[in-house]
Amino acid sequence: MGIAESTPDELPSDAEEQLRNGEQQLELSGRRLRRLPSAVCALSRLQKLYVSGTGLRELPEEIEELRELRILALDFNKLERLPDGLCRLPRLTRLYLGSNRLLALPADFAQLQSLRCLWIEGNFLRRFPRPLLRLVALQSLQMGDNRLRALPAELPRMTGLRGLWLYGNRFEEFPPALLRMGRLHILDLDRNRLGGFPDLHPLRALRVFSYDHNPVTGPPRVADTVFLVGEGAVERMAERDEPTPRPPPRRPARAFEDEEEEDLLIGGGSSRALRAPGDSLRALEAAPGLGT
């Protein structure tokens, strides 16, 4: 028996029970929702909203009424565009948009000045969205499995960026702008079309570089403190005088419940289980020594 589809304007029957404990969190993931119920936008104190894997096709402009929202998960849906109202959420720190049908981001997306973690993997982005260049507080940017071929020269404006995931795109040359990202800690370029690399020593803060599944014959030149993943990486690290660093997470954790857990991705720590939407648990083993 399938899951009943909620009516467009009503909250699900268990919503009141979810909100009763005072956490201001609403879990709608896995339900069948073509539209977000308008009643959700009236929950002005809501801080965490999970609407993953519902078949959602559109969002109402009224979503801007959720002024206290910190976490918004909209991944694994069918969104083709985002309303301008989503760009007017002043406290939003984590936004998950992966596995939708997005071709671009609204110009007003740059208003999300509190955003620290953005997942937009598995969409149809052919160009790097320029509004992102103005998000100076953004720390983690997940853009894997899109259709990017180049990065803008202005990328170093994103001075807060520490983790950048670009796996599964269409890069044929190492983007020159990346060499000026001196504060970047994690860089993932798996599954592209790169035939070689420049000297990566200018990336002084780099701790993790993943380049697996590219047509290269060996690893790039990097500092001995960088953990490498790819062709010839094990041999290169075995030649070092220093002990080989512990392996990092190949992908960032799905969702974070508080800022300390998000900082685990950037700042290092021990193995840990984090709650993702739908109450699934994923273990995260963060690379050590990636402190901001």
C-alpha atoms as a PDB file:
ATOM      1  CA  MET A   1       0.000   0.000   0.000  1.00  0.00           C
ATOM      2  CA  GLY A   2       1.543   3.356  -1.063  1.00  0.00           C
ATOM      3  CA  ILE A   3       2.031   6.415   1.052  1.00  0.00           C
ATOM      4  CA  ALA A   4      -0.960   8.733   0.951  1.00  0.00           C
ATOM      5  CA  GLU A   5      -0.309  12.046  -0.765  1.00  0.00           C
ATOM      6  CA  SER A   6      -0.929  15.069   1.459  1.00  0.00           C
ATOM      7  CA  THR A   7      -3.314  17.756   0.319  1.00  0.00           C
ATOM      8  CA  PRO A   8      -1.512  20.884  -0.955  1.00  0.00           C
ATOM      9  CA  ASP A   9      -2.357  23.223   1.908  1.00  0.00           C
ATOM     10  CA  GLU A  10      -2.426  20.988   4.970  1.00  0.00           C
ATOM     11  CA  LEU A  11       0.296  19.894   7.340  1.00  0.00           C
ATOM     12  CA  PRO A  12       0.723  16.125   7.660  1.00  0.00           C
ATOM     13  CA  SER A  13      -1.162  14.585  10.544  1.00  0.00           C
ATOM     14  CA  ASP A  14       1.975  13.977  12.617  1.00  0.00           C
ATOM     15  CA  ALA A  15       3.381  17.505  12.211  1.00  0.00           C
ATOM     16  CA  GLU A  16       1.972  18.781  15.484  1.00  0.00           C
ATOM     17  CA  GLU A  17       3.518  15.861  17.341  1.00  0.00           C
ATOM     18  CA  GLN A  18       6.899  16.550  15.701  1.00  0.00           C
ATOM     19  CA  LEU A  19       6.822  20.197  16.781  1.00  0.00           C
ATOM     20  CA  ARG A  20       5.527  19.537  20.288  1.00  0.00           C
ATOM     21  CA  ASN A  21       8.970  18.830  21.775  1.00  0.00           C
ATOM     22  CA  GLY A  22      10.051  22.403  21.084  1.00  0.00           C
ATOM     23  CA  GLU A  23      12.917  21.590  18.705  1.00  0.00           C
ATOM     24  CA  GLN A  24      11.250  23.463  15.821  1.00  0.00           C
ATOM     25  CA  GLN A  25      12.102  20.712  13.346  1.00  0.00           C
ATOM     26  CA  LEU A  26       9.800  19.242  10.707  1.00  0.00           C
ATOM     27  CA  GLU A  27      10.549  16.017   8.837  1.00  0.00           C
ATOM     28  CA  LEU A  28       8.582  15.510   5.600  1.00  0.00           C
ATOM     29  CA  SER A  29      11.120  13.393   3.716  1.00  0.00           C
ATOM     30  CA  GLY A  30       9.874  10.359   1.820  1.00  0.00           C
ATOM     31  CA  ARG A  31       6.276  11.570   1.527  1.00  0.00           C
ATOM     32  CA  ARG A  32       4.635  12.325  -1.811  1.00  0.00           C
ATOM     33  CA  LEU A  33       4.432  16.084  -2.160  1.00  0.00           C
ATOM     34  CA  ARG A  34       4.293  17.856  -5.503  1.00  0.00           C
ATOM     35  CA  ARG A  35       4.127  21.152  -3.654  1.00  0.00           C
ATOM     36  CA  LEU A  36       5.187  22.207  -0.203  1.00  0.00           C
ATOM     37  CA  PRO A  37       2.035  22.579   1.933  1.00  0.00           C
ATOM     38  CA  SER A  38       1.332  26.280   2.371  1.00  0.00           C
ATOM     39  CA  ALA A  39       0.749  25.680   6.084  1.00  0.00           C
ATOM     40  CA  VAL A  40       4.464  24.902   6.465  1.00  0.00           C
ATOM     41  CA  CYS A  41       5.299  28.498   5.538  1.00  0.00           C
ATOM     42  CA  ALA A  42       3.206  29.698   8.478  1.00  0.00           C
ATOM     43  CA  LEU A  43       5.546  27.987  10.953  1.00  0.00           C
ATOM     44  CA  SER A  44       7.528  31.173  11.498  1.00  0.00           C
ATOM     45  CA  ARG A  45       9.678  29.696  14.295  1.00  0.00           C
ATOM     46  CA  LEU A  46      10.755  26.611  12.338  1.00  0.00           C
ATOM     47  CA  GLN A  47      14.543  26.074  12.310  1.00  0.00           C
ATOM     48  CA  LYS A  48      15.029  22.773  10.458  1.00  0.00           C
ATOM     49  CA  LEU A  49      12.971  21.560   7.512  1.00  0.00           C
ATOM     50  CA  TYR A  50      13.643  18.264   5.721  1.00  0.00           C
ATOM     51  CA  VAL A  51      11.743  17.667   2.466  1.00  0.00           C
ATOM     52  CA  SER A  52      14.007  15.133   0.739  1.00  0.00           C
ATOM     53  CA  GLY A  53      12.817  12.568  -1.806  1.00  0.00           C
ATOM     54  CA  THR A  54       9.192  13.671  -1.986  1.00  0.00           C
ATOM     55  CA  GLY A  55       8.817  14.341  -5.729  1.00  0.00           C
ATOM     56  CA  LEU A  56       8.571  18.061  -5.001  1.00  0.00           C
ATOM     57  CA  ARG A  57       8.300  20.109  -8.220  1.00  0.00           C
ATOM     58  CA  GLU A  58       7.934  23.651  -6.916  1.00  0.00           C
ATOM     59  CA  LEU A  59       8.313  25.839  -3.865  1.00  0.00           C
ATOM     60  CA  PRO A  60       6.019  28.709  -2.906  1.00  0.00           C
ATOM     61  CA  GLU A  61       7.332  32.257  -2.682  1.00  0.00           C
ATOM     62  CA  GLU A  62       5.938  32.260   0.859  1.00  0.00           C
ATOM     63  CA  ILE A  63       8.867  30.119   1.964  1.00  0.00           C
ATOM     64  CA  GLU A  64      10.537  33.438   2.791  1.00  0.00           C
ATOM     65  CA  GLU A  65       8.272  33.595   5.860  1.00  0.00           C
ATOM     66  CA  LEU A  66      10.476  30.959   7.515  1.00  0.00           C
ATOM     67  CA  ARG A  67      12.826  33.641   8.816  1.00  0.00           C
ATOM     68  CA  GLU A  68      14.315  31.446  11.573  1.00  0.00           C
ATOM     69  CA  LEU A  69      15.208  28.537   9.283  1.00  0.00           C
ATOM     70  CA  ARG A  70      18.777  27.233   9.678  1.00  0.00           C
ATOM     71  CA  ILE A  71      18.709  23.948   7.744  1.00  0.00           C
ATOM     72  CA  LEU A  72      16.704  23.241   4.582  1.00  0.00           C
ATOM     73  CA  ALA A  73      16.941  19.873   2.807  1.00  0.00           C
ATOM     74  CA  LEU A  74      15.324  19.706  -0.637  1.00  0.00           C
ATOM     75  CA  ASP A  75      17.475  17.043  -2.278  1.00  0.00           C
ATOM     76  CA  PHE A  76      16.243  14.111  -4.393  1.00  0.00           C
ATOM     77  CA  ASN A  77      13.265  15.994  -5.787  1.00  0.00           C
ATOM     78  CA  LYS A  78      12.230  17.366  -9.188  1.00  0.00           C
ATOM     79  CA  LEU A  79      12.872  21.069  -8.755  1.00  0.00           C
ATOM     80  CA  GLU A  80      13.717  22.908 -11.988  1.00  0.00           C
ATOM     81  CA  ARG A  81      13.918  26.387 -10.471  1.00  0.00           C
ATOM     82  CA  LEU A  82      14.083  28.075  -7.097  1.00  0.00           C
ATOM     83  CA  PRO A  83      11.769  30.917  -6.057  1.00  0.00           C
ATOM     84  CA  ASP A  84      13.241  34.271  -5.113  1.00  0.00           C
ATOM     85  CA  GLY A  85      11.605  33.831  -1.719  1.00  0.00           C
ATOM     86  CA  LEU A  86      14.095  31.096  -0.843  1.00  0.00           C
ATOM     87  CA  CYS A  87      16.866  33.692  -1.199  1.00  0.00           C
ATOM     88  CA  ARG A  88      15.384  35.742   1.631  1.00  0.00           C
ATOM     89  CA  LEU A  89      16.103  33.384   4.521  1.00  0.00           C
ATOM     90  CA  PRO A  90      18.550  35.436   6.618  1.00  0.00           C
ATOM     91  CA  ARG A  91      19.606  32.684   9.061  1.00  0.00           C
ATOM     92  CA  LEU A  92      19.956  29.766   6.630  1.00  0.00           C
ATOM     93  CA  THR A  93      23.338  28.064   7.122  1.00  0.00           C
ATOM     94  CA  ARG A  94      22.880  24.718   5.329  1.00  0.00           C
ATOM     95  CA  LEU A  95      21.033  24.129   2.082  1.00  0.00           C
ATOM     96  CA  TYR A  96      20.758  20.753   0.349  1.00  0.00           C
ATOM     97  CA  LEU A  97      19.648  20.890  -3.303  1.00  0.00           C
ATOM     98  CA  GLY A  98      21.336  17.775  -4.679  1.00  0.00           C
ATOM     99  CA  SER A  99      19.723  15.472  -7.235  1.00  0.00           C
ATOM    100  CA  ASN A 100      17.186  17.895  -8.660  1.00  0.00           C
ATOM    101  CA  ARG A 101      16.872  19.363 -12.171  1.00  0.00           C
ATOM    102  CA  LEU A 102      18.378  22.794 -11.656  1.00  0.00           C
ATOM    103  CA  LEU A 103      20.016  24.584 -14.587  1.00  0.00           C
ATOM    104  CA  ALA A 104      20.903  27.769 -12.677  1.00  0.00           C
ATOM    105  CA  LEU A 105      20.425  29.663  -9.423  1.00  0.00           C
ATOM    106  CA  PRO A 106      18.446  32.903  -8.995  1.00  0.00           C
ATOM    107  CA  ALA A 107      20.430  36.154  -9.046  1.00  0.00           C
ATOM    108  CA  ASP A 108      19.147  36.872  -5.526  1.00  0.00           C
ATOM    109  CA  PHE A 109      20.825  33.699  -4.238  1.00  0.00           C
ATOM    110  CA  ALA A 110      23.704  35.980  -3.219  1.00  0.00           C
ATOM    111  CA  GLN A 111      21.489  37.320  -0.423  1.00  0.00           C
ATOM    112  CA  LEU A 112      22.028  34.106   1.565  1.00  0.00           C
ATOM    113  CA  GLN A 113      24.943  35.634   3.430  1.00  0.00           C
ATOM    114  CA  SER A 114      24.699  33.217   6.404  1.00  0.00           C
ATOM    115  CA  LEU A 115      25.094  30.131   4.196  1.00  0.00           C
ATOM    116  CA  ARG A 116      28.026  27.934   5.217  1.00  0.00           C
ATOM    117  CA  CYS A 117      27.275  24.615   3.515  1.00  0.00           C
ATOM    118  CA  LEU A 118      25.698  24.174   0.057  1.00  0.00           C
ATOM    119  CA  TRP A 119      25.015  20.861  -1.654  1.00  0.00           C
ATOM    120  CA  ILE A 120      24.013  21.213  -5.275  1.00  0.00           C
ATOM    121  CA  GLU A 121      25.441  17.994  -6.691  1.00  0.00           C
ATOM    122  CA  GLY A 122      23.617  15.929  -9.301  1.00  0.00           C
ATOM    123  CA  ASN A 123      21.959  18.793 -11.165  1.00  0.00           C
ATOM    124  CA  PHE A 124      22.393  20.179 -14.703  1.00  0.00           C
ATOM    125  CA  LEU A 125      24.692  23.144 -14.084  1.00  0.00           C
ATOM    126  CA  ARG A 126      26.807  23.959 -17.148  1.00  0.00           C
ATOM    127  CA  ARG A 127      28.245  27.175 -15.705  1.00  0.00           C
ATOM    128  CA  PHE A 128      29.383  28.059 -12.224  1.00  0.00           C
ATOM    129  CA  PRO A 129      26.535  30.141 -10.706  1.00  0.00           C
ATOM    130  CA  ARG A 130      27.921  33.642 -10.331  1.00  0.00           C
ATOM    131  CA  PRO A 131      25.781  34.534  -7.275  1.00  0.00           C
ATOM    132  CA  LEU A 132      27.923  32.057  -5.319  1.00  0.00           C
ATOM    133  CA  LEU A 133      30.943  34.327  -5.744  1.00  0.00           C
ATOM    134  CA  ARG A 134      29.361  36.754  -3.267  1.00  0.00           C
ATOM    135  CA  LEU A 135      28.849  34.153  -0.522  1.00  0.00           C
ATOM    136  CA  VAL A 136      31.966  34.943   1.469  1.00  0.00           C
ATOM    137  CA  ALA A 137      30.856  32.885   4.510  1.00  0.00           C
ATOM    138  CA  LEU A 138      30.407  29.674   2.494  1.00  0.00           C
ATOM    139  CA  GLN A 139      32.786  26.955   3.725  1.00  0.00           C
ATOM    140  CA  SER A 140      31.670  23.752   2.000  1.00  0.00           C
ATOM    141  CA  LEU A 141      30.520  23.655  -1.624  1.00  0.00           C
ATOM    142  CA  GLN A 142      29.397  20.329  -3.099  1.00  0.00           C
ATOM    143  CA  MET A 143      29.044  20.609  -6.914  1.00  0.00           C
ATOM    144  CA  GLY A 144      29.804  17.049  -7.999  1.00  0.00           C
ATOM    145  CA  ASP A 145      28.020  15.364 -10.912  1.00  0.00           C
ATOM    146  CA  ASN A 146      27.105  18.497 -12.845  1.00  0.00           C
ATOM    147  CA  ARG A 147      28.303  19.593 -16.306  1.00  0.00           C
ATOM    148  CA  LEU A 148      30.918  22.197 -15.475  1.00  0.00           C
ATOM    149  CA  ARG A 149      33.845  22.719 -17.860  1.00  0.00           C
ATOM    150  CA  ALA A 150      35.416  25.820 -16.317  1.00  0.00           C
ATOM    151  CA  LEU A 151      35.502  27.947 -13.173  1.00  0.00           C
ATOM    152  CA  PRO A 152      35.348  31.762 -13.076  1.00  0.00           C
ATOM    153  CA  ALA A 153      38.546  33.729 -12.554  1.00  0.00           C
ATOM    154  CA  GLU A 154      36.823  35.459  -9.637  1.00  0.00           C
ATOM    155  CA  LEU A 155      36.550  32.222  -7.611  1.00  0.00           C
ATOM    156  CA  PRO A 156      39.183  33.390  -5.053  1.00  0.00           C
ATOM    157  CA  ARG A 157      36.632  35.965  -3.883  1.00  0.00           C
ATOM    158  CA  MET A 158      35.110  33.088  -1.938  1.00  0.00           C
ATOM    159  CA  THR A 159      37.588  33.571   0.879  1.00  0.00           C
ATOM    160  CA  GLY A 160      35.694  31.394   3.359  1.00  0.00           C
ATOM    161  CA  LEU A 161      35.712  28.267   1.175  1.00  0.00           C
ATOM    162  CA  ARG A 162      37.498  25.309   2.751  1.00  0.00           C
ATOM    163  CA  GLY A 163      35.992  22.273   0.998  1.00  0.00           C
ATOM    164  CA  LEU A 164      35.205  22.096  -2.741  1.00  0.00           C
ATOM    165  CA  TRP A 165      33.810  18.955  -4.397  1.00  0.00           C
ATOM    166  CA  LEU A 166      33.874  19.004  -8.222  1.00  0.00           C
ATOM    167  CA  TYR A 167      33.918  15.280  -9.019  1.00  0.00           C
ATOM    168  CA  GLY A 168      31.981  13.983 -12.006  1.00  0.00           C
ATOM    169  CA  ASN A 169      32.086  17.159 -14.101  1.00  0.00           C
ATOM    170  CA  ARG A 170      33.681  17.817 -17.520  1.00  0.00           C
ATOM    171  CA  PHE A 171      36.958  19.560 -16.749  1.00  0.00           C
ATOM    172  CA  GLU A 172      39.649  18.819 -19.338  1.00  0.00           C
ATOM    173  CA  GLU A 173      42.213  21.194 -17.817  1.00  0.00           C
ATOM    174  CA  PHE A 174      42.951  22.060 -14.207  1.00  0.00           C
ATOM    175  CA  PRO A 175      41.037  25.327 -13.596  1.00  0.00           C
ATOM    176  CA  PRO A 176      43.650  28.095 -13.120  1.00  0.00           C
ATOM    177  CA  ALA A 177      41.507  29.884 -10.528  1.00  0.00           C
ATOM    178  CA  LEU A 178      41.995  26.984  -8.128  1.00  0.00           C
ATOM    179  CA  LEU A 179      45.697  27.800  -7.806  1.00  0.00           C
ATOM    180  CA  ARG A 180      44.710  31.041  -6.080  1.00  0.00           C
ATOM    181  CA  MET A 181      42.506  29.317  -3.505  1.00  0.00           C
ATOM    182  CA  GLY A 182      45.187  29.439  -0.839  1.00  0.00           C
ATOM    183  CA  ARG A 183      42.811  28.653   2.040  1.00  0.00           C
ATOM    184  CA  LEU A 184      41.258  25.551   0.489  1.00  0.00           C
ATOM    185  CA  HIS A 185      41.665  22.399   2.595  1.00  0.00           C
ATOM    186  CA  ILE A 186      39.776  19.763   0.592  1.00  0.00           C
ATOM    187  CA  LEU A 187      39.606  19.532  -3.213  1.00  0.00           C
ATOM    188  CA  ASP A 188      37.907  16.670  -5.055  1.00  0.00           C
ATOM    189  CA  LEU A 189      38.282  16.437  -8.854  1.00  0.00           C
ATOM    190  CA  ASP A 190      37.483  12.735  -9.278  1.00  0.00           C
ATOM    191  CA  ARG A 191      35.908  11.522 -12.526  1.00  0.00           C
ATOM    192  CA  ASN A 192      36.761  14.405 -14.814  1.00  0.00           C
ATOM    193  CA  ARG A 193      38.878  14.455 -18.000  1.00  0.00           C
ATOM    194  CA  LEU A 194      42.090  15.891 -16.614  1.00  0.00           C
ATOM    195  CA  GLY A 195      45.291  14.813 -18.339  1.00  0.00           C
ATOM    196  CA  GLY A 196      47.683  16.482 -15.937  1.00  0.00           C
ATOM    197  CA  PHE A 197      48.183  18.944 -13.100  1.00  0.00           C
ATOM    198  CA  PRO A 198      50.246  22.035 -12.376  1.00  0.00           C
ATOM    199  CA  ASP A 199      52.408  22.242  -9.283  1.00  0.00           C
ATOM    200  CA  LEU A 200      49.927  22.472  -6.392  1.00  0.00           C
ATOM    201  CA  HIS A 201      52.362  23.807  -3.806  1.00  0.00           C
ATOM    202  CA  PRO A 202      50.687  27.277  -4.042  1.00  0.00           C
ATOM    203  CA  LEU A 203      47.704  25.684  -2.262  1.00  0.00           C
ATOM    204  CA  ARG A 204      49.408  26.047   1.105  1.00  0.00           C
ATOM    205  CA  ALA A 205      46.402  25.037   3.221  1.00  0.00           C
ATOM    206  CA  LEU A 206      45.535  21.955   1.137  1.00  0.00           C
ATOM    207  CA  ARG A 207      45.225  18.757   3.162  1.00  0.00           C
ATOM    208  CA  VAL A 208      43.200  16.481   0.859  1.00  0.00           C
ATOM    209  CA  PHE A 209      43.369  16.193  -2.933  1.00  0.00           C
ATOM    210  CA  SER A 210      41.365  13.534  -4.763  1.00  0.00           C
ATOM    211  CA  TYR A 211      41.918  13.070  -8.513  1.00  0.00           C
ATOM    212  CA  ASP A 212      40.917   9.434  -9.078  1.00  0.00           C
ATOM    213  CA  HIS A 213      39.432   8.278 -12.400  1.00  0.00           C
ATOM    214  CA  ASN A 214      41.127  10.921 -14.563  1.00  0.00           C
ATOM    215  CA  PRO A 215      43.392  10.086 -17.534  1.00  0.00           C
ATOM    216  CA  VAL A 216      46.577  11.023 -15.669  1.00  0.00           C
ATOM    217  CA  THR A 217      49.717   8.914 -15.298  1.00  0.00           C
ATOM    218  CA  GLY A 218      50.689   9.994 -11.808  1.00  0.00           C
ATOM    219  CA  PRO A 219      50.014  12.281  -8.854  1.00  0.00           C
ATOM    220  CA  PRO A 220      50.626  16.029  -8.860  1.00  0.00           C
ATOM    221  CA  ARG A 221      53.379  17.795  -6.969  1.00  0.00           C
ATOM    222  CA  VAL A 222      52.008  18.702  -3.557  1.00  0.00           C
ATOM    223  CA  ALA A 223      53.281  19.292  -0.038  1.00  0.00           C
ATOM    224  CA  ASP A 224      54.003  16.197   2.027  1.00  0.00           C
ATOM    225  CA  THR A 225      51.127  17.077   4.353  1.00  0.00           C
ATOM    226  CA  VAL A 226      48.534  16.461   1.593  1.00  0.00           C
ATOM    227  CA  PHE A 227      46.625  13.186   1.541  1.00  0.00           C
ATOM    228  CA  LEU A 228      46.290  12.007  -2.082  1.00  0.00           C
ATOM    229  CA  VAL A 229      43.629   9.780  -3.655  1.00  0.00           C
ATOM    230  CA  GLY A 230      44.255   8.594  -7.219  1.00  0.00           C
ATOM    231  CA  GLU A 231      46.710   6.968  -9.626  1.00  0.00           C
ATOM    232  CA  GLY A 232      50.113   6.567  -7.978  1.00  0.00           C
ATOM    233  CA  ALA A 233      48.998   8.194  -4.721  1.00  0.00           C
ATOM    234  CA  VAL A 234      49.917   5.302  -2.420  1.00  0.00           C
ATOM    235  CA  GLU A 235      53.410   5.028  -3.899  1.00  0.00           C
ATOM    236  CA  ARG A 236      53.992   8.773  -3.699  1.00  0.00           C
ATOM    237  CA  MET A 237      52.931   8.982  -0.061  1.00  0.00           C
ATOM    238  CA  ALA A 238      55.065   5.932   0.816  1.00  0.00           C
ATOM    239  CA  GLU A 239      58.142   7.869  -0.360  1.00  0.00           C
ATOM    240  CA  ARG A 240      57.600  10.643   2.159  1.00  0.00           C
ATOM    241  CA  ASP A 241      59.695  11.107   5.254  1.00  0.00           C
ATOM    242  CA  GLU A 242      56.595  11.995   7.270  1.00  0.00           C
ATOM    243  CA  PRO A 243      53.970   9.352   8.215  1.00  0.00           C
ATOM    244  CA  THR A 244      51.115   9.079   5.722  1.00  0.00           C
ATOM    245  CA  PRO A 245      48.072  11.072   6.905  1.00  0.00           C
ATOM    246  CA  ARG A 246      44.896   9.212   7.814  1.00  0.00           C
ATOM    247  CA  PRO A 247      42.406   8.872   4.935  1.00  0.00           C
ATOM    248  CA  PRO A 248      39.734  11.608   4.813  1.00  0.00           C
ATOM    249  CA  PRO A 249      36.017  11.225   4.052  1.00  0.00           C
ATOM    250  CA  ARG A 250      35.560  10.832   0.306  1.00  0.00           C
ATOM    251  CA  ARG A 251      32.362  12.851   0.480  1.00  0.00           C
ATOM    252  CA  PRO A 252      31.196  15.369   3.097  1.00  0.00           C
ATOM    253  CA  ALA A 253      28.597  14.295   5.638  1.00  0.00           C
ATOM    254  CA  ARG A 254      24.987  14.521   4.488  1.00  0.00           C
ATOM    255  CA  ALA A 255      23.627  16.901   7.119  1.00  0.00           C
ATOM    256  CA  PHE A 256      24.757  18.462  10.345  1.00  0.00           C
ATOM    257  CA  GLU A 257      22.715  19.016  13.457  1.00  0.00           C
ATOM    258  CA  ASP A 258      24.779  21.886  14.855  1.00  0.00           C
ATOM    259  CA  GLU A 259      27.753  24.035  14.009  1.00  0.00           C
ATOM    260  CA  GLU A 260      30.174  21.824  15.939  1.00  0.00           C
ATOM    261  CA  GLU A 261      29.270  18.853  13.762  1.00  0.00           C
ATOM    262  CA  GLU A 262      29.644  20.899  10.599  1.00  0.00           C
ATOM    263  CA  ASP A 263      33.045  22.064  11.787  1.00  0.00           C
ATOM    264  CA  LEU A 264      34.033  18.415  12.108  1.00  0.00           C
ATOM    265  CA  LEU A 265      34.228  18.287   8.325  1.00  0.00           C
ATOM    266  CA  ILE A 266      36.592  21.242   8.259  1.00  0.00           C
ATOM    267  CA  GLY A 267      38.339  20.977  11.606  1.00  0.00           C
ATOM    268  CA  GLY A 268      38.947  17.271  11.974  1.00  0.00           C
ATOM    269  CA  GLY A 269      37.869  14.803  14.633  1.00  0.00           C
ATOM    270  CA  SER A 270      37.179  11.153  15.274  1.00  0.00           C
ATOM    271  CA  SER A 271      34.669   8.715  13.820  1.00  0.00           C
ATOM    272  CA  ARG A 272      31.154   9.863  14.422  1.00  0.00           C
ATOM    273  CA  ALA A 273      27.568   9.092  13.431  1.00  0.00           C
ATOM    274  CA  LEU A 274      25.525  12.031  12.194  1.00  0.00           C
ATOM    275  CA  ARG A 275      21.794  12.162  11.780  1.00  0.00           C
ATOM    276  CA  ALA A 276      20.582  12.647   8.217  1.00  0.00           C
ATOM    277  CA  PRO A 277      16.986  13.383   7.149  1.00  0.00           C
ATOM    278  CA  GLY A 278      14.830  10.311   7.504  1.00  0.00           C
ATOM    279  CA  ASP A 279      16.650   9.296  10.703  1.00  0.00           C
ATOM    280  CA  SER A 280      19.334   7.451   8.764  1.00  0.00           C
ATOM    281  CA  LEU A 281      22.785   7.397  10.348  1.00  0.00           C
ATOM    282  CA  ARG A 282      26.025   7.809   8.459  1.00  0.00           C
ATOM    283  CA  ALA A 283      29.467   7.436   9.908  1.00  0.00           C
ATOM    284  CA  LEU A 284      31.872  10.280   9.308  1.00  0.00           C
ATOM    285  CA  GLU A 285      35.591   9.902   9.787  1.00  0.00           C
ATOM    286  CA  ALA A 286      37.024  13.349   9.244  1.00  0.00           C
ATOM    287  CA  ALA A 287      40.599  14.012   8.241  1.00  0.00           C
ATOM    288  CA  PRO A 288      42.713  15.360  11.091  1.00  0.00           C
ATOM    289  CA  GLY A 289      44.427  18.698  11.059  1.00  0.00           C
ATOM    290  CA  LEU A 290      42.042  20.587   8.789  1.00  0.00           C
ATOM    291  CA  GLY A 291      41.396  23.400  11.251  1.00  0.00           C
ATOM    292  CA  THR A 292      40.305  26.808  10.066  1.00  0.00           C
END
